[in-house]
Amino acid sequence: MSRTAAQLSGLLLAALFSGAFVPAAADPVSVQALPALRFSADALSSGFYDQIQSAPQFQKMSREAYGSPIELRIYHTWRINRGGAEATGLLAAATLGLVPEVSSGDHTIVYEVLVNGVLVSSYKYSKSFTHAHNLWSGADKTFGMGKGGVEWAKSTVNLFLKDAATDPKLIGLAAEFDYYFGPQPPAATPAHT
């Protein structure tokens, strides 16, 4: 091999490992599946599992993949408007629940992809909600967002899947895994006799 050919092959390998050949935007249909990854979520986000796993990129996701170094973590954060919450909370308690407790604040659904505990990609979707809850109606099962807020939270799954399909870091992660461990063979189907 000539010296020029060796230099060119070295340049090609350096460009390949630096991610220069990672496509800028991938077609969601042709997105490469990530390796086995663990799904962890809070009470609100645990219902997103089936919808996320149906996407081609996350088809190897499992709740029981405890040994996997790759994790998809989803959680809900809430920054409440303290002044309004304290006033309506005291009013609701003083009237023995005749006046509902009204809370408002910014809700954020956070999707994080981690490898060995190190954050690779993070996606945050936020919206502000005002929710009235009567003390006599029992525990608030809408996580302080109301029914409309829960529907919005579910809609963030589609936003996340769209963003993750075009994320060069996740595309590079799948390509790197395939480089070191080889592409995963398709599942064998039993022969019918």
N, C-alpha and C. Protein backbone atom coordinates (compact mmCIF):
# COMPACT_ATOMS: atom_id res chain seq x y z
N MET A 1 0.85 -1.17 0.00
CA MET A 1 0.00 0.00 0.00
C MET A 1 0.90 1.23 0.00
N SER A 2 0.62 2.13 -0.87
CA SER A 2 1.44 3.33 -0.99
C SER A 2 1.19 4.26 0.20
N ARG A 3 2.09 5.18 0.38
CA ARG A 3 1.99 6.12 1.49
C ARG A 3 0.74 7.00 1.34
N THR A 4 0.42 7.43 0.12
CA THR A 4 -0.76 8.26 -0.14
C THR A 4 -2.04 7.49 0.18
N ALA A 5 -2.10 6.23 -0.22
CA ALA A 5 -3.28 5.41 0.05
C ALA A 5 -3.45 5.22 1.56
N ALA A 6 -2.36 5.04 2.28
CA ALA A 6 -2.43 4.88 3.73
C ALA A 6 -2.93 6.15 4.39
N GLN A 7 -2.47 7.30 3.90
CA GLN A 7 -2.94 8.57 4.46
C GLN A 7 -4.42 8.78 4.19
N LEU A 8 -4.85 8.44 2.97
CA LEU A 8 -6.27 8.59 2.63
C LEU A 8 -7.15 7.66 3.45
N SER A 9 -6.69 6.43 3.65
CA SER A 9 -7.50 5.50 4.46
C SER A 9 -7.56 5.98 5.90
N GLY A 10 -6.45 6.55 6.41
CA GLY A 10 -6.45 7.11 7.76
C GLY A 10 -7.40 8.28 7.88
N LEU A 11 -7.43 9.14 6.87
CA LEU A 11 -8.35 10.27 6.84
C LEU A 11 -9.80 9.80 6.80
N LEU A 12 -10.06 8.77 6.00
CA LEU A 12 -11.42 8.23 5.88
C LEU A 12 -11.89 7.66 7.22
N LEU A 13 -11.01 6.92 7.90
CA LEU A 13 -11.38 6.37 9.20
C LEU A 13 -11.60 7.47 10.22
N ALA A 14 -10.77 8.50 10.22
CA ALA A 14 -10.95 9.61 11.15
C ALA A 14 -12.27 10.32 10.90
N ALA A 15 -12.63 10.53 9.64
CA ALA A 15 -13.89 11.18 9.30
C ALA A 15 -15.07 10.30 9.70
N LEU A 16 -14.92 8.99 9.53
CA LEU A 16 -16.00 8.08 9.89
C LEU A 16 -16.25 8.09 11.39
N PHE A 17 -15.18 8.07 12.20
CA PHE A 17 -15.34 8.05 13.64
C PHE A 17 -15.74 9.39 14.22
N SER A 18 -15.48 10.47 13.50
CA SER A 18 -15.85 11.79 14.01
C SER A 18 -17.31 12.11 13.75
N GLY A 19 -18.00 11.27 12.99
CA GLY A 19 -19.41 11.49 12.72
C GLY A 19 -19.65 12.35 11.49
N ALA A 20 -18.65 12.54 10.65
CA ALA A 20 -18.81 13.37 9.47
C ALA A 20 -19.78 12.76 8.47
N PHE A 21 -19.95 11.45 8.52
CA PHE A 21 -20.83 10.81 7.57
C PHE A 21 -22.21 10.51 8.14
N VAL A 22 -22.51 11.02 9.33
CA VAL A 22 -23.83 10.86 9.91
C VAL A 22 -24.78 11.79 9.18
N PRO A 23 -25.91 11.28 8.66
CA PRO A 23 -26.82 12.14 7.93
C PRO A 23 -27.40 13.23 8.83
N ALA A 24 -27.59 14.42 8.27
CA ALA A 24 -28.13 15.56 9.03
C ALA A 24 -29.55 15.31 9.45
N ALA A 25 -30.36 14.79 8.58
CA ALA A 25 -31.75 14.50 8.90
C ALA A 25 -32.08 13.13 8.34
N ALA A 26 -32.56 12.26 9.19
CA ALA A 26 -32.88 10.91 8.76
C ALA A 26 -34.37 10.78 8.55
N ASP A 27 -34.72 9.95 7.60
CA ASP A 27 -36.12 9.65 7.36
C ASP A 27 -36.58 8.73 8.48
N PRO A 28 -37.67 9.06 9.22
CA PRO A 28 -38.08 8.24 10.35
C PRO A 28 -38.35 6.79 9.98
N VAL A 29 -38.68 6.52 8.71
CA VAL A 29 -38.95 5.15 8.31
C VAL A 29 -37.66 4.35 8.26
N SER A 30 -36.53 4.99 7.85
CA SER A 30 -35.27 4.28 7.70
C SER A 30 -34.35 4.46 8.90
N VAL A 31 -34.85 4.91 10.01
CA VAL A 31 -34.03 5.13 11.20
C VAL A 31 -33.56 3.79 11.74
N GLN A 32 -32.28 3.74 12.07
CA GLN A 32 -31.69 2.53 12.60
C GLN A 32 -32.10 2.34 14.05
N ALA A 33 -32.46 1.13 14.42
CA ALA A 33 -32.91 0.85 15.79
C ALA A 33 -31.73 0.96 16.75
N LEU A 34 -31.99 1.55 17.89
CA LEU A 34 -31.00 1.60 18.95
C LEU A 34 -30.84 0.21 19.54
N PRO A 35 -29.68 -0.07 20.14
CA PRO A 35 -29.53 -1.37 20.81
C PRO A 35 -30.46 -1.46 22.01
N ALA A 36 -30.47 -2.61 22.64
CA ALA A 36 -31.35 -2.82 23.80
C ALA A 36 -31.15 -1.70 24.82
N LEU A 37 -32.24 -1.10 25.23
CA LEU A 37 -32.16 -0.03 26.21
C LEU A 37 -33.25 -0.19 27.24
N ARG A 38 -32.97 0.34 28.42
CA ARG A 38 -33.90 0.24 29.55
C ARG A 38 -34.81 1.47 29.57
N PHE A 39 -36.07 1.23 29.86
CA PHE A 39 -37.07 2.29 29.98
C PHE A 39 -37.34 2.53 31.45
N SER A 40 -37.19 3.78 31.89
CA SER A 40 -37.59 4.13 33.26
C SER A 40 -38.35 5.44 33.21
N ALA A 41 -39.43 5.48 33.98
CA ALA A 41 -40.31 6.65 33.92
C ALA A 41 -41.02 6.82 35.26
N ASP A 42 -41.56 8.03 35.45
CA ASP A 42 -42.36 8.29 36.64
C ASP A 42 -43.79 7.83 36.39
N ALA A 43 -44.67 8.09 37.34
CA ALA A 43 -46.05 7.59 37.25
C ALA A 43 -46.79 8.14 36.03
N LEU A 44 -46.58 9.39 35.69
CA LEU A 44 -47.25 9.98 34.53
C LEU A 44 -46.73 9.38 33.23
N SER A 45 -45.43 9.23 33.10
CA SER A 45 -44.81 8.83 31.85
C SER A 45 -44.77 7.33 31.61
N SER A 46 -45.06 6.52 32.61
CA SER A 46 -44.97 5.08 32.43
C SER A 46 -45.98 4.58 31.40
N GLY A 47 -47.05 5.33 31.16
CA GLY A 47 -48.03 4.94 30.15
C GLY A 47 -47.56 5.21 28.73
N PHE A 48 -46.41 5.83 28.55
CA PHE A 48 -45.90 6.15 27.21
C PHE A 48 -45.14 4.97 26.59
N TYR A 49 -44.91 3.92 27.36
CA TYR A 49 -44.04 2.81 26.95
C TYR A 49 -44.46 2.20 25.61
N ASP A 50 -45.70 1.79 25.48
CA ASP A 50 -46.14 1.10 24.27
C ASP A 50 -46.01 1.98 23.03
N GLN A 51 -46.35 3.25 23.18
CA GLN A 51 -46.28 4.16 22.05
C GLN A 51 -44.82 4.38 21.60
N ILE A 52 -43.90 4.47 22.54
CA ILE A 52 -42.50 4.66 22.20
C ILE A 52 -41.91 3.39 21.62
N GLN A 53 -42.25 2.25 22.20
CA GLN A 53 -41.68 0.99 21.72
C GLN A 53 -42.16 0.64 20.32
N SER A 54 -43.29 1.15 19.90
CA SER A 54 -43.78 0.86 18.55
C SER A 54 -42.99 1.60 17.47
N ALA A 55 -42.19 2.60 17.86
CA ALA A 55 -41.34 3.32 16.90
C ALA A 55 -40.16 2.44 16.52
N PRO A 56 -39.74 2.45 15.25
CA PRO A 56 -38.63 1.59 14.81
C PRO A 56 -37.34 1.82 15.57
N GLN A 57 -37.05 3.03 15.98
CA GLN A 57 -35.80 3.35 16.66
C GLN A 57 -35.75 2.74 18.06
N PHE A 58 -36.89 2.54 18.70
CA PHE A 58 -36.95 2.07 20.08
C PHE A 58 -37.58 0.69 20.21
N GLN A 59 -37.54 -0.11 19.16
CA GLN A 59 -38.20 -1.41 19.20
C GLN A 59 -37.52 -2.40 20.15
N LYS A 60 -36.27 -2.16 20.53
CA LYS A 60 -35.56 -3.06 21.45
C LYS A 60 -35.61 -2.57 22.89
N MET A 61 -36.46 -1.59 23.17
CA MET A 61 -36.58 -1.03 24.51
C MET A 61 -37.35 -2.00 25.41
N SER A 62 -36.95 -2.08 26.67
CA SER A 62 -37.61 -2.97 27.61
C SER A 62 -37.58 -2.36 29.00
N ARG A 63 -38.60 -2.66 29.77
CA ARG A 63 -38.63 -2.21 31.17
C ARG A 63 -37.68 -3.06 32.02
N GLU A 64 -37.38 -4.27 31.56
CA GLU A 64 -36.58 -5.20 32.34
C GLU A 64 -35.12 -5.29 31.89
N ALA A 65 -34.64 -4.41 31.05
CA ALA A 65 -33.25 -4.45 30.56
C ALA A 65 -32.33 -3.78 31.58
N TYR A 66 -32.24 -4.36 32.77
CA TYR A 66 -31.50 -3.74 33.86
C TYR A 66 -30.00 -3.69 33.61
N GLY A 67 -29.45 -4.62 32.83
CA GLY A 67 -28.02 -4.64 32.56
C GLY A 67 -27.60 -3.77 31.40
N SER A 68 -28.55 -3.17 30.71
CA SER A 68 -28.22 -2.36 29.54
C SER A 68 -27.56 -1.06 29.95
N PRO A 69 -26.48 -0.67 29.26
CA PRO A 69 -25.84 0.61 29.60
C PRO A 69 -26.62 1.81 29.06
N ILE A 70 -27.59 1.56 28.18
CA ILE A 70 -28.36 2.64 27.57
C ILE A 70 -29.72 2.71 28.25
N GLU A 71 -30.14 3.92 28.59
CA GLU A 71 -31.40 4.10 29.31
C GLU A 71 -32.17 5.28 28.72
N LEU A 72 -33.47 5.09 28.56
CA LEU A 72 -34.38 6.18 28.23
C LEU A 72 -35.13 6.51 29.51
N ARG A 73 -34.91 7.72 30.03
CA ARG A 73 -35.52 8.15 31.28
C ARG A 73 -36.51 9.27 30.97
N ILE A 74 -37.74 9.13 31.46
CA ILE A 74 -38.78 10.14 31.23
C ILE A 74 -39.36 10.55 32.57
N TYR A 75 -39.49 11.86 32.76
CA TYR A 75 -40.09 12.34 34.00
C TYR A 75 -40.79 13.68 33.77
N HIS A 76 -41.64 14.00 34.72
CA HIS A 76 -42.46 15.21 34.68
C HIS A 76 -42.01 16.15 35.79
N THR A 77 -41.76 17.40 35.44
CA THR A 77 -41.44 18.39 36.46
C THR A 77 -42.52 19.47 36.44
N TRP A 78 -42.70 20.11 37.57
CA TRP A 78 -43.76 21.09 37.71
C TRP A 78 -43.26 22.25 38.53
N ARG A 79 -43.31 23.43 37.96
CA ARG A 79 -42.93 24.65 38.68
C ARG A 79 -44.22 25.43 38.94
N ILE A 80 -44.63 25.42 40.18
CA ILE A 80 -45.94 25.97 40.53
C ILE A 80 -45.86 27.46 40.84
N ASN A 81 -46.93 28.15 40.57
CA ASN A 81 -47.07 29.56 40.92
C ASN A 81 -47.43 29.59 42.41
N ARG A 82 -46.45 29.81 43.25
CA ARG A 82 -46.63 29.66 44.70
C ARG A 82 -47.66 30.60 45.32
N GLY A 83 -47.68 31.83 44.90
CA GLY A 83 -48.62 32.78 45.51
C GLY A 83 -50.07 32.36 45.33
N GLY A 84 -50.44 32.01 44.13
CA GLY A 84 -51.81 31.59 43.86
C GLY A 84 -52.15 30.27 44.54
N ALA A 85 -51.21 29.34 44.58
CA ALA A 85 -51.46 28.04 45.18
C ALA A 85 -51.68 28.16 46.69
N GLU A 86 -50.87 28.98 47.34
CA GLU A 86 -51.04 29.14 48.79
C GLU A 86 -52.37 29.79 49.12
N ALA A 87 -52.74 30.80 48.38
CA ALA A 87 -53.99 31.51 48.66
C ALA A 87 -55.20 30.61 48.43
N THR A 88 -55.25 29.90 47.30
CA THR A 88 -56.42 29.05 47.04
C THR A 88 -56.41 27.83 47.92
N GLY A 89 -55.22 27.34 48.30
CA GLY A 89 -55.15 26.20 49.21
C GLY A 89 -55.71 26.56 50.58
N LEU A 90 -55.33 27.71 51.09
CA LEU A 90 -55.85 28.16 52.38
C LEU A 90 -57.35 28.42 52.32
N LEU A 91 -57.81 29.01 51.22
CA LEU A 91 -59.24 29.28 51.04
C LEU A 91 -60.03 27.97 50.96
N ALA A 92 -59.50 26.99 50.24
CA ALA A 92 -60.17 25.70 50.13
C ALA A 92 -60.24 25.02 51.50
N ALA A 93 -59.16 25.09 52.26
CA ALA A 93 -59.16 24.47 53.59
C ALA A 93 -60.09 25.21 54.55
N ALA A 94 -60.11 26.53 54.49
CA ALA A 94 -60.94 27.33 55.40
C ALA A 94 -62.42 27.13 55.13
N THR A 95 -62.79 26.87 53.88
CA THR A 95 -64.21 26.66 53.55
C THR A 95 -64.58 25.18 53.55
N LEU A 96 -63.67 24.35 54.09
CA LEU A 96 -63.87 22.90 54.16
C LEU A 96 -64.17 22.29 52.79
N GLY A 97 -63.52 22.82 51.78
CA GLY A 97 -63.63 22.24 50.44
C GLY A 97 -64.74 22.79 49.59
N LEU A 98 -65.48 23.79 50.06
CA LEU A 98 -66.53 24.36 49.22
C LEU A 98 -65.94 25.11 48.02
N VAL A 99 -64.81 25.76 48.25
CA VAL A 99 -64.11 26.45 47.17
C VAL A 99 -62.98 25.53 46.69
N PRO A 100 -62.89 25.28 45.39
CA PRO A 100 -61.84 24.37 44.91
C PRO A 100 -60.46 25.01 45.03
N GLU A 101 -59.47 24.16 45.10
CA GLU A 101 -58.08 24.60 45.10
C GLU A 101 -57.65 24.80 43.65
N VAL A 102 -57.13 25.96 43.34
CA VAL A 102 -56.71 26.28 41.97
C VAL A 102 -55.19 26.39 41.96
N SER A 103 -54.57 25.64 41.06
CA SER A 103 -53.12 25.71 40.95
C SER A 103 -52.75 25.99 39.51
N SER A 104 -51.71 26.78 39.34
CA SER A 104 -51.21 27.05 38.00
C SER A 104 -49.70 26.94 38.04
N GLY A 105 -49.14 26.59 36.90
CA GLY A 105 -47.69 26.47 36.83
C GLY A 105 -47.23 25.94 35.51
N ASP A 106 -45.93 25.85 35.37
CA ASP A 106 -45.31 25.35 34.15
C ASP A 106 -44.98 23.87 34.34
N HIS A 107 -45.47 23.06 33.42
CA HIS A 107 -45.22 21.62 33.44
C HIS A 107 -44.25 21.29 32.33
N THR A 108 -43.30 20.42 32.62
CA THR A 108 -42.31 20.01 31.63
C THR A 108 -42.21 18.49 31.63
N ILE A 109 -42.24 17.92 30.43
CA ILE A 109 -41.99 16.49 30.26
C ILE A 109 -40.57 16.39 29.70
N VAL A 110 -39.71 15.64 30.39
CA VAL A 110 -38.29 15.54 30.02
C VAL A 110 -38.00 14.11 29.58
N TYR A 111 -37.39 13.98 28.41
CA TYR A 111 -36.93 12.70 27.87
C TYR A 111 -35.41 12.76 27.84
N GLU A 112 -34.74 11.80 28.47
CA GLU A 112 -33.29 11.77 28.49
C GLU A 112 -32.79 10.41 28.03
N VAL A 113 -31.77 10.42 27.17
CA VAL A 113 -31.10 9.19 26.76
C VAL A 113 -29.72 9.22 27.42
N LEU A 114 -29.43 8.20 28.22
CA LEU A 114 -28.17 8.13 28.94
C LEU A 114 -27.42 6.86 28.54
N VAL A 115 -26.09 6.96 28.50
CA VAL A 115 -25.23 5.80 28.27
C VAL A 115 -24.27 5.73 29.44
N ASN A 116 -24.34 4.63 30.18
CA ASN A 116 -23.54 4.45 31.39
C ASN A 116 -23.70 5.62 32.35
N GLY A 117 -24.91 6.14 32.46
CA GLY A 117 -25.21 7.23 33.37
C GLY A 117 -24.84 8.60 32.88
N VAL A 118 -24.27 8.69 31.68
CA VAL A 118 -23.86 9.97 31.11
C VAL A 118 -24.93 10.42 30.11
N LEU A 119 -25.38 11.65 30.26
CA LEU A 119 -26.43 12.18 29.39
C LEU A 119 -25.91 12.33 27.96
N VAL A 120 -26.62 11.72 27.00
CA VAL A 120 -26.28 11.83 25.58
C VAL A 120 -27.17 12.85 24.91
N SER A 121 -28.47 12.73 25.13
CA SER A 121 -29.43 13.67 24.54
C SER A 121 -30.56 13.92 25.52
N SER A 122 -31.09 15.14 25.48
CA SER A 122 -32.19 15.52 26.35
C SER A 122 -33.20 16.32 25.54
N TYR A 123 -34.47 16.05 25.77
CA TYR A 123 -35.56 16.74 25.07
C TYR A 123 -36.54 17.20 26.13
N LYS A 124 -36.91 18.48 26.08
CA LYS A 124 -37.84 19.05 27.07
C LYS A 124 -38.99 19.71 26.35
N TYR A 125 -40.20 19.40 26.81
CA TYR A 125 -41.42 19.98 26.24
C TYR A 125 -42.20 20.60 27.39
N SER A 126 -42.48 21.90 27.32
CA SER A 126 -43.10 22.63 28.43
C SER A 126 -44.39 23.31 28.00
N LYS A 127 -45.29 23.44 28.98
CA LYS A 127 -46.54 24.16 28.77
C LYS A 127 -47.07 24.59 30.13
N SER A 128 -47.77 25.71 30.16
CA SER A 128 -48.34 26.24 31.40
C SER A 128 -49.82 25.84 31.48
N PHE A 129 -50.24 25.38 32.67
CA PHE A 129 -51.62 24.96 32.88
C PHE A 129 -52.17 25.55 34.17
N THR A 130 -53.48 25.78 34.19
CA THR A 130 -54.20 26.13 35.41
C THR A 130 -55.23 25.04 35.63
N HIS A 131 -55.26 24.52 36.85
CA HIS A 131 -56.12 23.37 37.15
C HIS A 131 -56.83 23.60 38.47
N ALA A 132 -58.15 23.40 38.48
CA ALA A 132 -58.96 23.50 39.70
C ALA A 132 -59.30 22.09 40.16
N HIS A 133 -59.10 21.84 41.45
CA HIS A 133 -59.35 20.52 42.01
C HIS A 133 -60.12 20.66 43.31
N ASN A 134 -61.23 19.97 43.41
CA ASN A 134 -62.05 19.99 44.61
C ASN A 134 -61.50 18.98 45.61
N LEU A 135 -61.37 19.40 46.86
CA LEU A 135 -60.83 18.53 47.89
C LEU A 135 -61.69 17.28 48.11
N TRP A 136 -62.98 17.37 47.87
CA TRP A 136 -63.89 16.26 48.12
C TRP A 136 -63.90 15.24 46.98
N SER A 137 -63.25 15.53 45.87
CA SER A 137 -63.28 14.59 44.74
C SER A 137 -62.16 13.55 44.82
N GLY A 138 -61.41 13.53 45.90
CA GLY A 138 -60.36 12.53 46.08
C GLY A 138 -59.03 13.02 45.55
N ALA A 139 -58.11 12.09 45.42
CA ALA A 139 -56.76 12.42 44.97
C ALA A 139 -56.79 12.88 43.52
N ASP A 140 -55.94 13.83 43.21
CA ASP A 140 -55.83 14.34 41.84
C ASP A 140 -55.00 13.37 41.01
N LYS A 141 -55.66 12.67 40.09
CA LYS A 141 -54.98 11.67 39.27
C LYS A 141 -54.44 12.28 37.97
N THR A 142 -54.49 13.59 37.85
CA THR A 142 -54.01 14.25 36.63
C THR A 142 -52.67 14.95 36.87
N PHE A 143 -52.02 14.68 38.00
CA PHE A 143 -50.69 15.20 38.31
C PHE A 143 -50.66 16.73 38.28
N GLY A 144 -51.77 17.36 38.67
CA GLY A 144 -51.85 18.81 38.75
C GLY A 144 -52.04 19.51 37.43
N MET A 145 -52.33 18.74 36.36
CA MET A 145 -52.46 19.35 35.02
C MET A 145 -53.89 19.39 34.51
N GLY A 146 -54.77 18.59 35.05
CA GLY A 146 -56.11 18.49 34.49
C GLY A 146 -56.11 17.53 33.31
N LYS A 147 -57.30 17.20 32.82
CA LYS A 147 -57.40 16.24 31.71
C LYS A 147 -56.71 16.76 30.45
N GLY A 148 -56.86 18.04 30.17
CA GLY A 148 -56.20 18.62 29.00
C GLY A 148 -54.68 18.54 29.10
N GLY A 149 -54.17 18.70 30.29
CA GLY A 149 -52.73 18.61 30.50
C GLY A 149 -52.19 17.20 30.30
N VAL A 150 -52.96 16.21 30.74
CA VAL A 150 -52.54 14.82 30.55
C VAL A 150 -52.53 14.49 29.06
N GLU A 151 -53.53 14.97 28.33
CA GLU A 151 -53.55 14.76 26.87
C GLU A 151 -52.35 15.43 26.21
N TRP A 152 -52.01 16.63 26.66
CA TRP A 152 -50.82 17.30 26.13
C TRP A 152 -49.57 16.47 26.42
N ALA A 153 -49.46 15.94 27.64
CA ALA A 153 -48.29 15.13 28.00
C ALA A 153 -48.16 13.92 27.08
N LYS A 154 -49.28 13.29 26.77
CA LYS A 154 -49.25 12.14 25.85
C LYS A 154 -48.82 12.57 24.45
N SER A 155 -49.18 13.78 24.05
CA SER A 155 -48.81 14.25 22.71
C SER A 155 -47.32 14.54 22.60
N THR A 156 -46.61 14.69 23.71
CA THR A 156 -45.18 14.93 23.64
C THR A 156 -44.41 13.71 23.15
N VAL A 157 -45.03 12.53 23.24
CA VAL A 157 -44.36 11.31 22.76
C VAL A 157 -44.08 11.44 21.26
N ASN A 158 -45.06 11.89 20.48
CA ASN A 158 -44.84 12.05 19.05
C ASN A 158 -43.77 13.09 18.75
N LEU A 159 -43.75 14.17 19.53
CA LEU A 159 -42.71 15.18 19.36
C LEU A 159 -41.33 14.59 19.65
N PHE A 160 -41.24 13.80 20.73
CA PHE A 160 -39.97 13.17 21.08
C PHE A 160 -39.52 12.20 20.00
N LEU A 161 -40.41 11.37 19.50
CA LEU A 161 -40.03 10.39 18.47
C LEU A 161 -39.53 11.09 17.20
N LYS A 162 -40.18 12.19 16.84
CA LYS A 162 -39.75 12.95 15.67
C LYS A 162 -38.37 13.55 15.90
N ASP A 163 -38.16 14.15 17.07
CA ASP A 163 -36.87 14.77 17.38
C ASP A 163 -35.76 13.72 17.50
N ALA A 164 -36.05 12.58 18.12
CA ALA A 164 -35.05 11.53 18.32
C ALA A 164 -34.65 10.89 16.99
N ALA A 165 -35.58 10.80 16.05
CA ALA A 165 -35.28 10.19 14.76
C ALA A 165 -34.28 11.01 13.96
N THR A 166 -34.20 12.29 14.22
CA THR A 166 -33.27 13.15 13.48
C THR A 166 -32.09 13.62 14.32
N ASP A 167 -31.94 13.09 15.52
CA ASP A 167 -30.85 13.49 16.41
C ASP A 167 -29.55 12.80 15.98
N PRO A 168 -28.55 13.57 15.55
CA PRO A 168 -27.30 12.95 15.10
C PRO A 168 -26.58 12.17 16.21
N LYS A 169 -26.78 12.54 17.47
CA LYS A 169 -26.14 11.81 18.56
C LYS A 169 -26.71 10.39 18.68
N LEU A 170 -28.03 10.26 18.55
CA LEU A 170 -28.63 8.92 18.64
C LEU A 170 -28.33 8.09 17.40
N ILE A 171 -28.30 8.73 16.25
CA ILE A 171 -27.95 8.02 15.01
C ILE A 171 -26.51 7.53 15.11
N GLY A 172 -25.63 8.38 15.62
CA GLY A 172 -24.23 8.00 15.81
C GLY A 172 -24.07 6.89 16.84
N LEU A 173 -24.90 6.92 17.89
CA LEU A 173 -24.85 5.87 18.92
C LEU A 173 -25.20 4.52 18.31
N ALA A 174 -26.25 4.47 17.50
CA ALA A 174 -26.64 3.22 16.85
C ALA A 174 -25.56 2.75 15.88
N ALA A 175 -24.97 3.68 15.12
CA ALA A 175 -23.92 3.32 14.17
C ALA A 175 -22.67 2.82 14.90
N GLU A 176 -22.32 3.45 16.01
CA GLU A 176 -21.15 3.02 16.78
C GLU A 176 -21.38 1.63 17.37
N PHE A 177 -22.56 1.37 17.86
CA PHE A 177 -22.88 0.06 18.41
C PHE A 177 -22.75 -1.01 17.32
N ASP A 178 -23.29 -0.72 16.14
CA ASP A 178 -23.20 -1.68 15.03
C ASP A 178 -21.75 -1.87 14.58
N TYR A 179 -20.94 -0.82 14.65
CA TYR A 179 -19.54 -0.95 14.25
C TYR A 179 -18.81 -1.92 15.18
N TYR A 180 -19.01 -1.78 16.49
CA TYR A 180 -18.30 -2.62 17.44
C TYR A 180 -18.90 -4.01 17.60
N PHE A 181 -20.21 -4.13 17.52
CA PHE A 181 -20.86 -5.41 17.80
C PHE A 181 -21.52 -6.03 16.58
N GLY A 182 -21.48 -5.34 15.45
CA GLY A 182 -22.08 -5.86 14.23
C GLY A 182 -23.57 -5.63 14.22
N PRO A 183 -24.14 -5.53 13.01
CA PRO A 183 -25.59 -5.35 12.94
C PRO A 183 -26.31 -6.57 13.51
N GLN A 184 -27.39 -6.31 14.17
CA GLN A 184 -28.16 -7.39 14.76
C GLN A 184 -28.91 -8.17 13.67
N PRO A 185 -28.82 -9.49 13.68
CA PRO A 185 -29.54 -10.26 12.67
C PRO A 185 -31.04 -10.18 12.92
N PRO A 186 -31.85 -10.26 11.85
CA PRO A 186 -33.30 -10.25 12.06
C PRO A 186 -33.73 -11.49 12.82
N ALA A 187 -34.82 -11.35 13.53
CA ALA A 187 -35.35 -12.47 14.32
C ALA A 187 -35.74 -13.61 13.39
N ALA A 188 -35.35 -14.81 13.75
CA ALA A 188 -35.66 -15.98 12.92
C ALA A 188 -37.12 -16.35 13.12
N THR A 189 -37.77 -16.69 12.04
CA THR A 189 -39.17 -17.14 12.10
C THR A 189 -39.19 -18.64 11.93
N PRO A 190 -39.99 -19.33 12.72
CA PRO A 190 -40.04 -20.79 12.61
C PRO A 190 -40.63 -21.21 11.27
N ALA A 191 -40.08 -22.27 10.70
CA ALA A 191 -40.56 -22.78 9.41
C ALA A 191 -41.84 -23.58 9.65
N HIS A 192 -42.80 -23.37 8.78
CA HIS A 192 -44.06 -24.11 8.87
C HIS A 192 -43.96 -25.34 8.00
N THR A 193 -44.22 -26.50 8.57
CA THR A 193 -44.17 -27.74 7.79
C THR A 193 -45.51 -28.38 7.71
